Amino acid sequence: MALQHGTRIGPYEVTAQIGEGGMGQVYRATDSNLARTVAIKVLPDAFAQDAERVARFEREARTLAALNHPNIAHVYGLERAHNQLALVMELVEGPTLDERITHGVIPVDEALPIARQIAEALENAHELGIVHRDLKPANIKIRPDGTVKVLDFGLAKAMESATGTALSVTPATDALSMSPTITTPALLTGAGIILGTAAYMSPEQARGKPVDKRTDIWAFGCVLYEMLTGHRAFAGDDVTEVLARVLEREVDLAAIPATVPPAIRRLLRRCLAKDRRQRLSDIGVARLEIDEALTGGAPESPPVVSTGSRSPFERAAWATAVVAAALIAAGAAYFSRPVPVPPSEVRFEIPVAQMRFLEDIAVSPDGRRVAFAAAAPNGRDAIWVRDLSASTARLLPGTENATPQSMMPAW
């Protein structure tokens, strides 16, 4: 039952209803204690009557209240009134992303900053072990200053019972256009319960299997795809058809505008991998990819050529070309290597009359000088050194009575 204007829930006075979905009705209210405007989500009557679910919800709500991030709408507390349970949250002004998309495709230079802020919110929550599980454009608001706020973080899990059974909510007739939260038996077997929105459910979520942060990464990919193309990644005439496409069909990446950077196309493909083992495992990686796309990023590495889809003849030709290129490179390196220059023959003369002892002669290790003992001008024997490039020898001072071999270091 809808609350009327003036209805009080604890210190909060309801002023208007501002929304309604599978998880309850949302009202604008005034906090009489702090004189601020808040949003109050009144949970369905069936939920409030289940003591087990209420206890679980209270435990989860305390965890959600610990989230403190500029891109996440804050949870202020829980209130009980008129046999109803209400979640008090930050009121975020501005349109939802769903309303923004109805006006047309969002240009890439506008969509990427929005996507980056969504990734920031998910990254912060995932670090605290909280998974959204119902991320969709209707749960994302854009304030007039451009700040993005993600709503209803973790509320899907909070509304489960202790046994993991979700609250049953019947979707409206125009379920897909309104993008409500739904629950339905997984694959009509009753083996599990699906909680989420059909168009943004991951394959494992659609099958009623346990989910983790990779479910949020899938939904993030769906939201980014919808911003860039103007239509849902997986659409259909009814919930059954949508779920079938989520489970069986690949997303149409050809619909992405040519202005979208290749790195963002790859990011979408990784986010929307049906096998979660092949899916992007951390939303922080998506944030980094978006940062690089926004700043221009580094030049991309040359693509790696794969031969898996080539015919045997093509693979053989490709391998032959590679071997030939390697041989040419090796040959070029061989013939361009430095060629050692053989030592040149040097001939020189030392007048015998100048030398006193013919056997007392030495050649330097580099072969460029010759030393010998001969008479100095003072008549004493001394060491003379002859550079082979010079025409005369020079006297080494202070070498009287020395031998050429002993004076080699002094040359």
Protein backbone atom coordinates (compact mmCIF):
# COMPACT_ATOMS: atom_id res chain seq x y z
CA MET A 1 0.00 0.00 0.00
CA ALA A 2 1.37 3.40 -0.99
CA LEU A 3 2.26 5.84 1.77
CA GLN A 4 0.46 9.16 1.85
CA HIS A 5 2.03 12.61 2.08
CA GLY A 6 2.76 13.40 5.71
CA THR A 7 3.14 9.78 6.82
CA ARG A 8 5.92 9.46 9.40
CA ILE A 9 8.41 6.62 9.56
CA GLY A 10 10.53 7.24 12.63
CA PRO A 11 11.95 10.76 12.34
CA TYR A 12 11.22 10.87 8.59
CA GLU A 13 8.15 12.53 7.06
CA VAL A 14 7.09 11.32 3.60
CA THR A 15 6.57 14.10 1.08
CA ALA A 16 6.13 12.27 -2.25
CA GLN A 17 6.51 8.92 -3.99
CA ILE A 18 9.35 9.03 -6.50
CA GLY A 19 9.65 5.45 -7.75
CA GLU A 20 8.59 1.84 -7.57
CA GLY A 21 10.24 -1.44 -8.50
CA GLY A 22 10.46 -5.08 -7.67
CA MET A 23 12.24 -4.33 -4.40
CA GLY A 24 9.73 -1.82 -3.07
CA GLN A 25 8.40 1.71 -3.32
CA VAL A 26 10.66 4.74 -3.03
CA TYR A 27 9.65 8.01 -1.39
CA ARG A 28 11.15 11.41 -0.83
CA ALA A 29 11.15 12.26 2.86
CA THR A 30 12.43 14.89 5.25
CA ASP A 31 14.68 14.00 8.18
CA SER A 32 13.27 16.06 11.07
CA ASN A 33 16.39 15.51 13.19
CA LEU A 34 19.02 16.60 10.67
CA ALA A 35 16.84 18.79 8.42
CA ARG A 36 17.88 16.97 5.26
CA THR A 37 16.03 15.30 2.44
CA VAL A 38 16.42 11.53 2.09
CA ALA A 39 15.08 8.66 0.02
CA ILE A 40 13.13 5.92 1.77
CA LYS A 41 12.61 2.52 0.16
CA VAL A 42 9.69 0.71 1.78
CA LEU A 43 10.12 -3.01 1.29
CA PRO A 44 7.18 -5.17 0.15
CA ASP A 45 4.68 -6.33 2.75
CA ALA A 46 5.47 -10.01 2.12
CA PHE A 47 9.09 -9.31 2.94
CA ALA A 48 8.35 -7.44 6.16
CA GLN A 49 6.24 -10.35 7.45
CA ASP A 50 9.10 -12.86 7.12
CA ALA A 51 11.14 -12.67 10.34
CA GLU A 52 13.97 -14.74 8.86
CA ARG A 53 14.37 -12.43 5.87
CA VAL A 54 14.11 -9.34 8.03
CA ALA A 55 16.91 -10.58 10.29
CA ARG A 56 19.10 -11.33 7.29
CA PHE A 57 18.29 -7.98 5.74
CA GLU A 58 19.31 -6.16 8.90
CA ARG A 59 22.66 -7.94 8.91
CA GLU A 60 23.27 -7.14 5.24
CA ALA A 61 22.13 -3.52 5.69
CA ARG A 62 24.86 -2.97 8.28
CA THR A 63 27.40 -4.13 5.70
CA LEU A 64 25.92 -1.86 3.02
CA ALA A 65 26.05 1.10 5.42
CA ALA A 66 29.84 0.61 5.56
CA LEU A 67 30.12 1.54 1.87
CA ASN A 68 31.54 5.05 1.64
CA HIS A 69 32.36 6.08 -1.88
CA PRO A 70 31.46 9.19 -3.91
CA ASN A 71 29.90 7.04 -6.64
CA ILE A 72 27.71 4.94 -4.32
CA ALA A 73 24.45 6.21 -2.79
CA HIS A 74 24.86 5.97 0.97
CA VAL A 75 22.66 3.86 3.24
CA TYR A 76 21.71 5.78 6.39
CA GLY A 77 19.74 3.19 8.32
CA LEU A 78 16.65 1.02 8.80
CA GLU A 79 13.28 2.06 10.18
CA ARG A 80 10.15 0.14 11.16
CA ALA A 81 6.68 1.67 11.10
CA HIS A 82 3.11 0.58 10.32
CA ASN A 83 4.27 -3.05 10.11
CA GLN A 84 6.65 -2.05 7.34
CA LEU A 85 10.42 -2.07 7.01
CA ALA A 86 12.08 0.90 5.32
CA LEU A 87 15.63 1.48 4.16
CA VAL A 88 16.77 5.09 4.50
CA MET A 89 19.20 6.18 1.80
CA GLU A 90 20.88 9.20 0.28
CA LEU A 91 18.55 11.06 -2.07
CA VAL A 92 20.28 11.53 -5.43
CA GLU A 93 18.86 14.23 -7.67
CA GLY A 94 19.03 13.90 -11.42
CA PRO A 95 17.87 11.45 -14.10
CA THR A 96 18.65 7.77 -14.12
CA LEU A 97 20.96 6.43 -16.80
CA ASP A 98 17.92 4.59 -18.18
CA GLU A 99 16.17 7.92 -18.71
CA ARG A 100 19.28 9.37 -20.33
CA ILE A 101 19.54 6.47 -22.80
CA THR A 102 15.92 6.97 -23.89
CA HIS A 103 17.06 10.26 -25.48
CA GLY A 104 19.45 8.39 -27.78
CA VAL A 105 22.95 6.99 -28.06
CA ILE A 106 25.41 8.54 -25.61
CA PRO A 107 28.55 9.82 -27.41
CA VAL A 108 31.68 7.89 -26.52
CA ASP A 109 33.36 10.92 -24.92
CA GLU A 110 30.37 11.20 -22.57
CA ALA A 111 29.74 7.48 -22.07
CA LEU A 112 33.30 6.58 -21.00
CA PRO A 113 33.44 9.00 -18.01
CA ILE A 114 30.08 7.62 -16.84
CA ALA A 115 31.33 4.04 -17.24
CA ARG A 116 34.51 4.88 -15.37
CA GLN A 117 32.57 6.13 -12.35
CA ILE A 118 30.39 3.01 -12.38
CA ALA A 119 33.56 0.90 -12.43
CA GLU A 120 34.94 2.93 -9.51
CA ALA A 121 31.81 2.17 -7.48
CA LEU A 122 31.93 -1.55 -8.28
CA GLU A 123 35.64 -1.73 -7.51
CA ASN A 124 35.14 -0.21 -4.07
CA ALA A 125 32.28 -2.56 -3.22
CA HIS A 126 34.06 -5.65 -4.53
CA GLU A 127 37.06 -4.86 -2.36
CA LEU A 128 34.70 -5.07 0.63
CA GLY A 129 33.21 -8.33 -0.62
CA ILE A 130 29.90 -6.77 -1.70
CA VAL A 131 28.36 -7.70 -5.08
CA HIS A 132 25.57 -5.55 -6.50
CA ARG A 133 23.81 -8.35 -8.42
CA ASP A 134 21.21 -6.02 -9.93
CA LEU A 135 23.26 -3.42 -11.80
CA LYS A 136 21.23 -1.77 -14.57
CA PRO A 137 20.69 1.76 -15.98
CA ALA A 138 17.62 2.24 -13.76
CA ASN A 139 19.87 1.78 -10.70
CA ILE A 140 22.36 4.43 -11.84
CA LYS A 141 21.74 8.14 -11.42
CA ILE A 142 23.59 11.09 -12.93
CA ARG A 143 23.61 14.25 -10.88
CA PRO A 144 23.51 17.67 -12.58
CA ASP A 145 27.24 18.12 -11.87
CA GLY A 146 28.02 14.90 -13.76
CA THR A 147 28.65 12.74 -10.69
CA VAL A 148 27.40 9.17 -11.13
CA LYS A 149 25.73 7.41 -8.21
CA VAL A 150 25.03 3.67 -8.17
CA LEU A 151 21.89 2.80 -6.17
CA ASP A 152 20.67 -0.34 -4.39
CA PHE A 153 24.14 -1.78 -3.86
CA GLY A 154 23.89 -5.30 -2.48
CA LEU A 155 20.14 -4.98 -1.91
CA ALA A 156 19.49 -8.08 -3.97
CA LYS A 157 21.51 -10.24 -1.62
CA ALA A 158 20.05 -8.53 1.43
CA MET A 159 16.54 -9.50 0.34
CA GLU A 160 17.31 -13.21 0.14
CA SER A 161 16.36 -15.53 2.93
CA ALA A 162 19.01 -17.39 4.91
CA THR A 163 18.51 -20.37 2.59
CA GLY A 164 19.29 -18.26 -0.47
CA THR A 165 15.66 -18.10 -1.70
CA ALA A 166 14.72 -14.77 -3.17
CA LEU A 167 11.59 -12.81 -2.51
CA SER A 168 9.03 -13.63 -5.19
CA VAL A 169 7.90 -10.56 -7.11
CA THR A 170 5.62 -10.68 -10.12
CA PRO A 171 6.93 -8.43 -12.90
CA ALA A 172 4.67 -5.90 -14.55
CA THR A 173 3.23 -6.52 -18.00
CA ASP A 174 5.74 -4.17 -19.58
CA ALA A 175 8.52 -5.86 -17.68
CA LEU A 176 11.26 -5.33 -20.22
CA SER A 177 10.54 -1.69 -20.94
CA MET A 178 10.33 -0.87 -17.24
CA SER A 179 13.39 -3.02 -16.48
CA PRO A 180 12.11 -4.35 -13.13
CA THR A 181 13.77 -6.73 -10.76
CA ILE A 182 12.27 -10.20 -11.21
CA THR A 183 12.43 -13.62 -9.68
CA THR A 184 11.52 -16.83 -11.41
CA PRO A 185 12.42 -20.55 -11.11
CA ALA A 186 15.73 -21.22 -12.83
CA LEU A 187 15.13 -22.92 -16.18
CA LEU A 188 11.64 -23.84 -14.92
CA THR A 189 13.11 -26.61 -12.76
CA GLY A 190 12.63 -25.00 -9.37
CA ALA A 191 16.26 -25.83 -8.58
CA GLY A 192 17.06 -22.22 -7.81
CA ILE A 193 15.71 -18.71 -7.83
CA ILE A 194 16.75 -15.92 -10.19
CA LEU A 195 17.07 -12.49 -8.65
CA GLY A 196 17.94 -9.62 -10.91
CA THR A 197 16.81 -8.01 -14.14
CA ALA A 198 16.51 -10.27 -17.16
CA ALA A 199 18.25 -8.00 -19.68
CA TYR A 200 21.31 -7.57 -17.43
CA MET A 201 21.60 -11.01 -15.85
CA SER A 202 24.76 -12.98 -16.31
CA PRO A 203 24.35 -16.52 -17.70
CA GLU A 204 25.16 -18.07 -14.32
CA GLN A 205 22.66 -15.78 -12.62
CA ALA A 206 19.99 -16.69 -15.17
CA ARG A 207 20.58 -20.36 -14.36
CA GLY A 208 20.10 -19.69 -10.65
CA LYS A 209 23.70 -20.54 -9.80
CA PRO A 210 25.84 -18.82 -7.14
CA VAL A 211 27.20 -15.48 -8.29
CA ASP A 212 30.30 -13.44 -7.56
CA LYS A 213 31.78 -10.15 -8.72
CA ARG A 214 31.98 -11.42 -12.30
CA THR A 215 28.18 -11.16 -12.43
CA ASP A 216 28.55 -7.41 -11.85
CA ILE A 217 31.21 -7.26 -14.57
CA TRP A 218 28.75 -8.86 -17.01
CA ALA A 219 26.07 -6.31 -16.07
CA PHE A 220 28.64 -3.52 -16.41
CA GLY A 221 29.33 -4.71 -19.97
CA CYS A 222 25.60 -4.69 -20.72
CA VAL A 223 25.23 -1.14 -19.38
CA LEU A 224 28.25 0.16 -21.32
CA TYR A 225 27.01 -1.53 -24.50
CA GLU A 226 23.58 0.06 -24.08
CA MET A 227 25.09 3.52 -23.61
CA LEU A 228 27.17 3.22 -26.78
CA THR A 229 24.52 1.64 -29.03
CA GLY A 230 21.23 2.93 -27.61
CA HIS A 231 19.75 -0.56 -27.24
CA ARG A 232 20.13 -3.50 -24.89
CA ALA A 233 22.77 -6.13 -25.45
CA PHE A 234 20.11 -8.84 -24.98
CA ALA A 235 16.53 -7.88 -25.80
CA GLY A 236 13.33 -9.76 -26.54
CA ASP A 237 9.55 -9.66 -26.40
CA ASP A 238 9.32 -11.29 -22.99
CA VAL A 239 11.45 -12.48 -20.10
CA THR A 240 11.77 -16.01 -21.47
CA GLU A 241 13.11 -14.77 -24.80
CA VAL A 242 15.56 -12.41 -23.10
CA LEU A 243 16.93 -15.15 -20.86
CA ALA A 244 17.26 -17.46 -23.86
CA ARG A 245 19.36 -14.86 -25.65
CA VAL A 246 21.50 -14.28 -22.58
CA LEU A 247 22.22 -18.00 -22.40
CA GLU A 248 22.58 -18.80 -26.10
CA ARG A 249 23.46 -15.77 -28.21
CA GLU A 250 26.58 -13.64 -28.46
CA VAL A 251 26.32 -9.87 -28.21
CA ASP A 252 26.30 -8.01 -31.52
CA LEU A 253 29.58 -6.09 -31.39
CA ALA A 254 29.06 -4.89 -34.98
CA ALA A 255 26.42 -2.49 -33.65
CA ILE A 256 29.05 -0.52 -31.73
CA PRO A 257 29.82 2.82 -33.46
CA ALA A 258 33.10 3.11 -35.34
CA THR A 259 34.11 6.01 -33.07
CA VAL A 260 34.49 3.64 -30.12
CA PRO A 261 38.20 2.86 -29.49
CA PRO A 262 39.33 -0.73 -30.23
CA ALA A 263 40.37 -1.15 -26.57
CA ILE A 264 36.77 -0.51 -25.47
CA ARG A 265 35.48 -3.05 -28.00
CA ARG A 266 37.85 -5.63 -26.53
CA LEU A 267 36.75 -4.66 -23.04
CA LEU A 268 33.10 -5.26 -23.93
CA ARG A 269 33.93 -8.64 -25.42
CA ARG A 270 35.77 -9.66 -22.24
CA CYS A 271 33.01 -8.37 -19.95
CA LEU A 272 30.34 -10.25 -21.91
CA ALA A 273 32.06 -13.63 -22.14
CA LYS A 274 29.38 -16.20 -21.29
CA ASP A 275 31.87 -18.50 -19.60
CA ARG A 276 32.79 -16.58 -16.48
CA ARG A 277 36.17 -18.30 -16.44
CA GLN A 278 36.92 -16.38 -19.65
CA ARG A 279 35.31 -13.18 -18.41
CA LEU A 280 37.21 -10.18 -17.09
CA SER A 281 37.92 -11.11 -13.49
CA ASP A 282 38.40 -7.67 -11.94
CA ILE A 283 36.50 -4.45 -12.63
CA GLY A 284 39.68 -2.51 -11.79
CA VAL A 285 41.09 -3.69 -15.13
CA ALA A 286 38.07 -2.16 -16.88
CA ARG A 287 38.70 1.13 -15.10
CA LEU A 288 42.31 1.14 -16.32
CA GLU A 289 41.24 0.36 -19.90
CA ILE A 290 38.78 3.25 -19.80
CA ASP A 291 41.44 5.57 -18.38
CA GLU A 292 43.77 4.72 -21.27
CA ALA A 293 40.98 5.27 -23.80
CA LEU A 294 40.13 8.65 -22.24
CA THR A 295 43.76 9.83 -22.28
CA GLY A 296 44.60 8.47 -25.69
CA GLY A 297 46.65 5.62 -24.14
CA ALA A 298 49.86 4.08 -25.43
CA PRO A 299 50.12 2.81 -29.01
CA GLU A 300 48.70 -0.64 -29.31
CA SER A 301 51.05 -3.54 -29.84
CA PRO A 302 51.04 -5.14 -33.28
CA PRO A 303 48.45 -7.90 -33.50
CA VAL A 304 49.65 -11.44 -32.92
CA VAL A 305 49.13 -13.51 -36.06
CA SER A 306 47.26 -16.71 -35.30
CA THR A 307 47.58 -19.68 -37.66
CA GLY A 308 44.80 -21.67 -36.03
CA SER A 309 42.24 -20.88 -38.73
CA ARG A 310 44.58 -21.22 -41.74
CA SER A 311 44.61 -24.14 -44.15
CA PRO A 312 47.57 -26.58 -44.06
CA PHE A 313 48.93 -25.03 -47.27
CA GLU A 314 48.71 -21.51 -45.81
CA ARG A 315 50.37 -22.60 -42.58
CA ALA A 316 53.23 -24.26 -44.52
CA ALA A 317 53.71 -21.18 -46.70
CA TRP A 318 53.65 -18.92 -43.63
CA ALA A 319 56.23 -21.11 -41.83
CA THR A 320 58.47 -21.18 -44.94
CA ALA A 321 58.36 -17.39 -45.15
CA VAL A 322 59.33 -17.09 -41.50
CA VAL A 323 62.28 -19.49 -41.94
CA ALA A 324 63.43 -17.69 -45.10
CA ALA A 325 63.30 -14.34 -43.32
CA ALA A 326 65.35 -15.77 -40.46
CA LEU A 327 67.99 -17.15 -42.88
CA ILE A 328 68.23 -13.83 -44.71
CA ALA A 329 68.68 -11.99 -41.42
CA ALA A 330 71.35 -14.46 -40.29
CA GLY A 331 73.19 -14.16 -43.63
CA ALA A 332 73.13 -10.39 -43.49
CA ALA A 333 74.52 -10.46 -39.97
CA TYR A 334 77.30 -12.89 -41.04
CA PHE A 335 78.48 -10.93 -44.08
CA SER A 336 78.26 -7.57 -42.34
CA ARG A 337 80.43 -8.67 -39.39
CA PRO A 338 83.80 -6.86 -38.98
CA VAL A 339 86.66 -8.56 -40.87
CA PRO A 340 89.93 -8.67 -38.86
CA VAL A 341 92.79 -6.74 -40.48
CA PRO A 342 96.01 -8.82 -40.75
CA PRO A 343 99.11 -7.19 -39.19
CA SER A 344 101.25 -5.30 -41.68
CA GLU A 345 104.98 -6.08 -42.16
CA VAL A 346 107.34 -3.37 -40.87
CA ARG A 347 110.96 -2.99 -41.93
CA PHE A 348 113.43 -0.70 -40.17
CA GLU A 349 117.15 -0.18 -39.69
CA ILE A 350 119.28 0.57 -36.66
CA PRO A 351 122.91 1.46 -37.46
CA VAL A 352 125.15 -1.19 -35.94
CA ALA A 353 127.76 1.39 -35.13
CA GLN A 354 125.30 3.07 -32.77
CA MET A 355 124.80 -0.16 -30.76
CA ARG A 356 127.35 -1.47 -28.31
CA PHE A 357 125.72 -4.86 -27.56
CA LEU A 358 123.77 -6.46 -30.41
CA GLU A 359 122.27 -9.08 -28.16
CA ASP A 360 120.91 -6.44 -25.80
CA ILE A 361 117.76 -5.43 -27.69
CA ALA A 362 114.00 -5.64 -26.96
CA VAL A 363 110.74 -5.06 -28.89
CA SER A 364 107.65 -3.58 -27.20
CA PRO A 365 104.58 -5.91 -26.80
CA ASP A 366 102.61 -3.96 -29.42
CA GLY A 367 105.50 -4.19 -31.90
CA ARG A 368 105.67 -0.42 -32.41
CA ARG A 369 108.92 0.36 -30.57
CA VAL A 370 112.41 -1.09 -30.23
CA ALA A 371 114.78 -0.50 -27.33
CA PHE A 372 118.51 -1.13 -27.36
CA ALA A 373 121.63 -0.32 -25.28
CA ALA A 374 124.08 2.13 -26.75
CA ALA A 375 126.45 4.89 -25.68
CA ALA A 376 124.92 8.12 -24.44
CA PRO A 377 126.52 11.54 -25.17
CA ASN A 378 128.31 11.30 -21.82
CA GLY A 379 129.98 8.09 -22.96
CA ARG A 380 128.04 5.80 -20.66
CA ASP A 381 125.80 3.00 -21.82
CA ALA A 382 122.10 3.92 -21.75
CA ILE A 383 118.80 2.82 -23.24
CA TRP A 384 117.60 4.21 -26.54
CA VAL A 385 114.04 3.80 -27.88
CA ARG A 386 113.17 3.89 -31.54
CA ASP A 387 109.53 4.37 -32.60
CA LEU A 388 109.09 2.53 -35.88
CA SER A 389 107.21 5.53 -37.21
CA ALA A 390 110.21 7.79 -36.48
CA SER A 391 113.51 8.03 -38.32
CA THR A 392 115.74 8.32 -35.24
CA ALA A 393 115.95 6.87 -31.74
CA ARG A 394 115.57 8.87 -28.52
CA LEU A 395 117.49 8.50 -25.27
CA LEU A 396 115.67 7.47 -22.10
CA PRO A 397 117.18 9.67 -19.38
CA GLY A 398 118.48 7.98 -16.24
CA THR A 399 118.92 4.58 -17.86
CA GLU A 400 122.68 4.23 -17.55
CA ASN A 401 123.77 0.66 -17.01
CA ALA A 402 120.18 -0.62 -17.47
CA THR A 403 118.99 -3.24 -19.90
CA PRO A 404 116.19 -2.77 -22.45
CA GLN A 405 114.10 -5.57 -20.89
CA SER A 406 114.19 -3.98 -17.45
CA MET A 407 113.05 -0.63 -18.84
CA MET A 408 110.04 -1.86 -20.84
CA PRO A 409 107.39 -0.30 -18.52
CA ALA A 410 109.06 3.11 -18.97
CA TRP A 411 108.71 3.14 -22.74
